[in-house]
Amino acid sequence: MDTAIRMKCMVCGHIYDPKKGDEGVSVGTAFTDIPDEWCCPVCGAAKAKFSEVK
């Protein structure tokens, strides 16, 4: 997966943007490179609950 692809939490709407990083995730980290144990920093939803922003 490309580091330009943004992902959206389907539970709360939080957007993971690799250009900005996130809580515990460095800037430039592709979503696929984030460990499966990672969860949404806003609502705690599992990584599997994220979908690509079109």
PDB file of N, CA and C in Angstrom:
ATOM      1  N   MET A   1       0.848  -1.194   0.000  1.00  0.00           N
ATOM      2  CA  MET A   1       0.000   0.000   0.000  1.00  0.00           C
ATOM      3  C   MET A   1       0.883   1.243   0.000  1.00  0.00           C
ATOM      4  N   ASP A   2       0.491   2.182  -0.733  1.00  0.00           N
ATOM      5  CA  ASP A   2       1.176   3.452  -0.915  1.00  0.00           C
ATOM      6  C   ASP A   2       1.089   4.310   0.352  1.00  0.00           C
ATOM      7  N   THR A   3       2.139   5.091   0.620  1.00  0.00           N
ATOM      8  CA  THR A   3       2.123   5.954   1.800  1.00  0.00           C
ATOM      9  C   THR A   3       1.253   7.191   1.615  1.00  0.00           C
ATOM     10  N   ALA A   4       0.624   7.357   0.448  1.00  0.00           N
ATOM     11  CA  ALA A   4      -0.278   8.489   0.225  1.00  0.00           C
ATOM     12  C   ALA A   4      -1.733   8.107   0.487  1.00  0.00           C
ATOM     13  N   ILE A   5      -2.004   6.831   0.703  1.00  0.00           N
ATOM     14  CA  ILE A   5      -3.381   6.371   0.893  1.00  0.00           C
ATOM     15  C   ILE A   5      -3.831   6.638   2.328  1.00  0.00           C
ATOM     16  N   ARG A   6      -4.961   7.352   2.436  1.00  0.00           N
ATOM     17  CA  ARG A   6      -5.545   7.645   3.745  1.00  0.00           C
ATOM     18  C   ARG A   6      -6.608   6.601   4.053  1.00  0.00           C
ATOM     19  N   MET A   7      -6.765   6.302   5.335  1.00  0.00           N
ATOM     20  CA  MET A   7      -7.730   5.304   5.777  1.00  0.00           C
ATOM     21  C   MET A   7      -8.666   5.933   6.804  1.00  0.00           C
ATOM     22  N   LYS A   8      -9.949   5.534   6.747  1.00  0.00           N
ATOM     23  CA  LYS A   8     -10.971   6.106   7.631  1.00  0.00           C
ATOM     24  C   LYS A   8     -11.540   5.036   8.546  1.00  0.00           C
ATOM     25  N   CYS A   9     -11.649   5.362   9.836  1.00  0.00           N
ATOM     26  CA  CYS A   9     -12.290   4.468  10.798  1.00  0.00           C
ATOM     27  C   CYS A   9     -13.787   4.479  10.510  1.00  0.00           C
ATOM     28  N   MET A  10     -14.348   3.317  10.244  1.00  0.00           N
ATOM     29  CA  MET A  10     -15.765   3.221   9.918  1.00  0.00           C
ATOM     30  C   MET A  10     -16.649   3.304  11.164  1.00  0.00           C
ATOM     31  N   VAL A  11     -16.033   3.353  12.342  1.00  0.00           N
ATOM     32  CA  VAL A  11     -16.796   3.485  13.582  1.00  0.00           C
ATOM     33  C   VAL A  11     -16.976   4.961  13.950  1.00  0.00           C
ATOM     34  N   CYS A  12     -15.867   5.720  13.959  1.00  0.00           N
ATOM     35  CA  CYS A  12     -15.951   7.112  14.423  1.00  0.00           C
ATOM     36  C   CYS A  12     -15.597   8.159  13.367  1.00  0.00           C
ATOM     37  N   GLY A  13     -15.045   7.725  12.230  1.00  0.00           N
ATOM     38  CA  GLY A  13     -14.712   8.669  11.173  1.00  0.00           C
ATOM     39  C   GLY A  13     -13.300   9.228  11.226  1.00  0.00           C
ATOM     40  N   HIS A  14     -12.499   8.790  12.200  1.00  0.00           N
ATOM     41  CA  HIS A  14     -11.108   9.257  12.288  1.00  0.00           C
ATOM     42  C   HIS A  14     -10.363   8.895  11.010  1.00  0.00           C
ATOM     43  N   ILE A  15      -9.559   9.825  10.506  1.00  0.00           N
ATOM     44  CA  ILE A  15      -8.775   9.594   9.291  1.00  0.00           C
ATOM     45  C   ILE A  15      -7.315   9.361   9.672  1.00  0.00           C
ATOM     46  N   TYR A  16      -6.767   8.221   9.217  1.00  0.00           N
ATOM     47  CA  TYR A  16      -5.329   7.988   9.351  1.00  0.00           C
ATOM     48  C   TYR A  16      -4.685   8.493   8.068  1.00  0.00           C
ATOM     49  N   ASP A  17      -3.815   9.486   8.204  1.00  0.00           N
ATOM     50  CA  ASP A  17      -3.110  10.066   7.059  1.00  0.00           C
ATOM     51  C   ASP A  17      -1.620   9.810   7.250  1.00  0.00           C
ATOM     52  N   PRO A  18      -1.013   8.974   6.396  1.00  0.00           N
ATOM     53  CA  PRO A  18       0.404   8.663   6.554  1.00  0.00           C
ATOM     54  C   PRO A  18       1.316   9.888   6.459  1.00  0.00           C
ATOM     55  N   LYS A  19       0.840  10.949   5.830  1.00  0.00           N
ATOM     56  CA  LYS A  19       1.643  12.171   5.735  1.00  0.00           C
ATOM     57  C   LYS A  19       1.729  12.893   7.075  1.00  0.00           C
ATOM     58  N   LYS A  20       0.817  12.542   7.996  1.00  0.00           N
ATOM     59  CA  LYS A  20       0.787  13.175   9.316  1.00  0.00           C
ATOM     60  C   LYS A  20       1.166  12.211  10.432  1.00  0.00           C
ATOM     61  N   GLY A  21       1.065  10.896  10.173  1.00  0.00           N
ATOM     62  CA  GLY A  21       1.297   9.925  11.236  1.00  0.00           C
ATOM     63  C   GLY A  21       0.108   9.914  12.185  1.00  0.00           C
ATOM     64  N   ASP A  22       0.288   9.302  13.329  1.00  0.00           N
ATOM     65  CA  ASP A  22      -0.802   9.217  14.300  1.00  0.00           C
ATOM     66  C   ASP A  22      -0.205   8.848  15.647  1.00  0.00           C
ATOM     67  N   GLU A  23      -1.032   8.747  16.643  1.00  0.00           N
ATOM     68  CA  GLU A  23      -0.582   8.393  17.975  1.00  0.00           C
ATOM     69  C   GLU A  23       0.194   7.070  17.929  1.00  0.00           C
ATOM     70  N   GLY A  24       1.489   7.127  18.208  1.00  0.00           N
ATOM     71  CA  GLY A  24       2.325   5.934  18.197  1.00  0.00           C
ATOM     72  C   GLY A  24       2.765   5.470  16.820  1.00  0.00           C
ATOM     73  N   VAL A  25       2.454   6.242  15.776  1.00  0.00           N
ATOM     74  CA  VAL A  25       2.812   5.871  14.399  1.00  0.00           C
ATOM     75  C   VAL A  25       3.579   7.036  13.763  1.00  0.00           C
ATOM     76  N   SER A  26       4.770   6.748  13.268  1.00  0.00           N
ATOM     77  CA  SER A  26       5.623   7.781  12.670  1.00  0.00           C
ATOM     78  C   SER A  26       5.067   8.295  11.345  1.00  0.00           C
ATOM     79  N   VAL A  27       5.361   9.552  11.059  1.00  0.00           N
ATOM     80  CA  VAL A  27       5.015  10.159   9.771  1.00  0.00           C
ATOM     81  C   VAL A  27       5.628   9.311   8.661  1.00  0.00           C
ATOM     82  N   GLY A  28       4.874   9.084   7.583  1.00  0.00           N
ATOM     83  CA  GLY A  28       5.363   8.320   6.440  1.00  0.00           C
ATOM     84  C   GLY A  28       5.118   6.828   6.523  1.00  0.00           C
ATOM     85  N   THR A  29       4.442   6.373   7.585  1.00  0.00           N
ATOM     86  CA  THR A  29       4.163   4.945   7.741  1.00  0.00           C
ATOM     87  C   THR A  29       2.893   4.572   6.988  1.00  0.00           C
ATOM     88  N   ALA A  30       3.024   3.668   6.018  1.00  0.00           N
ATOM     89  CA  ALA A  30       1.856   3.178   5.279  1.00  0.00           C
ATOM     90  C   ALA A  30       0.945   2.412   6.236  1.00  0.00           C
ATOM     91  N   PHE A  31      -0.352   2.468   6.003  1.00  0.00           N
ATOM     92  CA  PHE A  31      -1.313   1.790   6.877  1.00  0.00           C
ATOM     93  C   PHE A  31      -1.009   0.297   6.984  1.00  0.00           C
ATOM     94  N   THR A  32      -0.586  -0.319   5.893  1.00  0.00           N
ATOM     95  CA  THR A  32      -0.286  -1.757   5.903  1.00  0.00           C
ATOM     96  C   THR A  32       0.932  -2.083   6.757  1.00  0.00           C
ATOM     97  N   ASP A  33       1.766  -1.093   7.038  1.00  0.00           N
ATOM     98  CA  ASP A  33       2.955  -1.309   7.863  1.00  0.00           C
ATOM     99  C   ASP A  33       2.690  -1.115   9.349  1.00  0.00           C
ATOM    100  N   ILE A  34       1.490  -0.675   9.700  1.00  0.00           N
ATOM    101  CA  ILE A  34       1.117  -0.516  11.106  1.00  0.00           C
ATOM    102  C   ILE A  34       0.785  -1.904  11.655  1.00  0.00           C
ATOM    103  N   PRO A  35       1.262  -2.242  12.863  1.00  0.00           N
ATOM    104  CA  PRO A  35       0.960  -3.564  13.435  1.00  0.00           C
ATOM    105  C   PRO A  35      -0.546  -3.816  13.546  1.00  0.00           C
ATOM    106  N   ASP A  36      -0.953  -5.069  13.390  1.00  0.00           N
ATOM    107  CA  ASP A  36      -2.372  -5.438  13.454  1.00  0.00           C
ATOM    108  C   ASP A  36      -2.994  -5.142  14.816  1.00  0.00           C
ATOM    109  N   GLU A  37      -2.174  -5.038  15.858  1.00  0.00           N
ATOM    110  CA  GLU A  37      -2.683  -4.763  17.210  1.00  0.00           C
ATOM    111  C   GLU A  37      -3.082  -3.300  17.382  1.00  0.00           C
ATOM    112  N   TRP A  38      -2.635  -2.443  16.454  1.00  0.00           N
ATOM    113  CA  TRP A  38      -2.940  -1.014  16.535  1.00  0.00           C
ATOM    114  C   TRP A  38      -4.447  -0.825  16.483  1.00  0.00           C
ATOM    115  N   CYS A  39      -4.936   0.192  17.181  1.00  0.00           N
ATOM    116  CA  CYS A  39      -6.368   0.497  17.128  1.00  0.00           C
ATOM    117  C   CYS A  39      -6.552   2.002  16.969  1.00  0.00           C
ATOM    118  N   CYS A  40      -7.742   2.386  16.605  1.00  0.00           N
ATOM    119  CA  CYS A  40      -8.077   3.789  16.397  1.00  0.00           C
ATOM    120  C   CYS A  40      -7.783   4.575  17.681  1.00  0.00           C
ATOM    121  N   PRO A  41      -6.998   5.654  17.588  1.00  0.00           N
ATOM    122  CA  PRO A  41      -6.682   6.432  18.784  1.00  0.00           C
ATOM    123  C   PRO A  41      -7.872   7.227  19.319  1.00  0.00           C
ATOM    124  N   VAL A  42      -8.938   7.332  18.547  1.00  0.00           N
ATOM    125  CA  VAL A  42     -10.115   8.089  18.979  1.00  0.00           C
ATOM    126  C   VAL A  42     -11.128   7.190  19.683  1.00  0.00           C
ATOM    127  N   CYS A  43     -11.500   6.074  19.031  1.00  0.00           N
ATOM    128  CA  CYS A  43     -12.571   5.236  19.586  1.00  0.00           C
ATOM    129  C   CYS A  43     -12.123   3.833  20.003  1.00  0.00           C
ATOM    130  N   GLY A  44     -10.891   3.451  19.654  1.00  0.00           N
ATOM    131  CA  GLY A  44     -10.391   2.135  20.040  1.00  0.00           C
ATOM    132  C   GLY A  44     -10.781   1.005  19.103  1.00  0.00           C
ATOM    133  N   ALA A  45     -11.379   1.323  17.958  1.00  0.00           N
ATOM    134  CA  ALA A  45     -11.775   0.283  16.998  1.00  0.00           C
ATOM    135  C   ALA A  45     -10.537  -0.413  16.431  1.00  0.00           C
ATOM    136  N   ALA A  46     -10.699  -1.667  16.081  1.00  0.00           N
ATOM    137  CA  ALA A  46      -9.611  -2.458  15.515  1.00  0.00           C
ATOM    138  C   ALA A  46      -9.181  -1.913  14.159  1.00  0.00           C
ATOM    139  N   LYS A  47      -7.935  -2.177  13.798  1.00  0.00           N
ATOM    140  CA  LYS A  47      -7.394  -1.756  12.499  1.00  0.00           C
ATOM    141  C   LYS A  47      -8.267  -2.255  11.348  1.00  0.00           C
ATOM    142  N   ALA A  48      -8.876  -3.414  11.514  1.00  0.00           N
ATOM    143  CA  ALA A  48      -9.730  -4.009  10.475  1.00  0.00           C
ATOM    144  C   ALA A  48     -10.977  -3.168  10.193  1.00  0.00           C
ATOM    145  N   LYS A  49     -11.301  -2.235  11.067  1.00  0.00           N
ATOM    146  CA  LYS A  49     -12.487  -1.388  10.889  1.00  0.00           C
ATOM    147  C   LYS A  49     -12.206  -0.145  10.042  1.00  0.00           C
ATOM    148  N   PHE A  50     -11.013  -0.061   9.449  1.00  0.00           N
ATOM    149  CA  PHE A  50     -10.646   1.076   8.611  1.00  0.00           C
ATOM    150  C   PHE A  50     -10.823   0.725   7.147  1.00  0.00           C
ATOM    151  N   SER A  51     -11.257   1.701   6.365  1.00  0.00           N
ATOM    152  CA  SER A  51     -11.424   1.543   4.918  1.00  0.00           C
ATOM    153  C   SER A  51     -10.713   2.683   4.208  1.00  0.00           C
ATOM    154  N   GLU A  52     -10.285   2.418   2.982  1.00  0.00           N
ATOM    155  CA  GLU A  52      -9.572   3.422   2.197  1.00  0.00           C
ATOM    156  C   GLU A  52     -10.470   4.610   1.881  1.00  0.00           C
ATOM    157  N   VAL A  53      -9.909   5.814   2.020  1.00  0.00           N
ATOM    158  CA  VAL A  53     -10.615   7.038   1.652  1.00  0.00           C
ATOM    159  C   VAL A  53     -10.451   7.200   0.149  1.00  0.00           C
ATOM    160  N   LYS A  54     -11.556   7.281  -0.568  1.00  0.00           N
ATOM    161  CA  LYS A  54     -11.524   7.408  -2.039  1.00  0.00           C
ATOM    162  C   LYS A  54     -11.511   8.855  -2.441  1.00  0.00           C
TER     163      LYS A  54
END
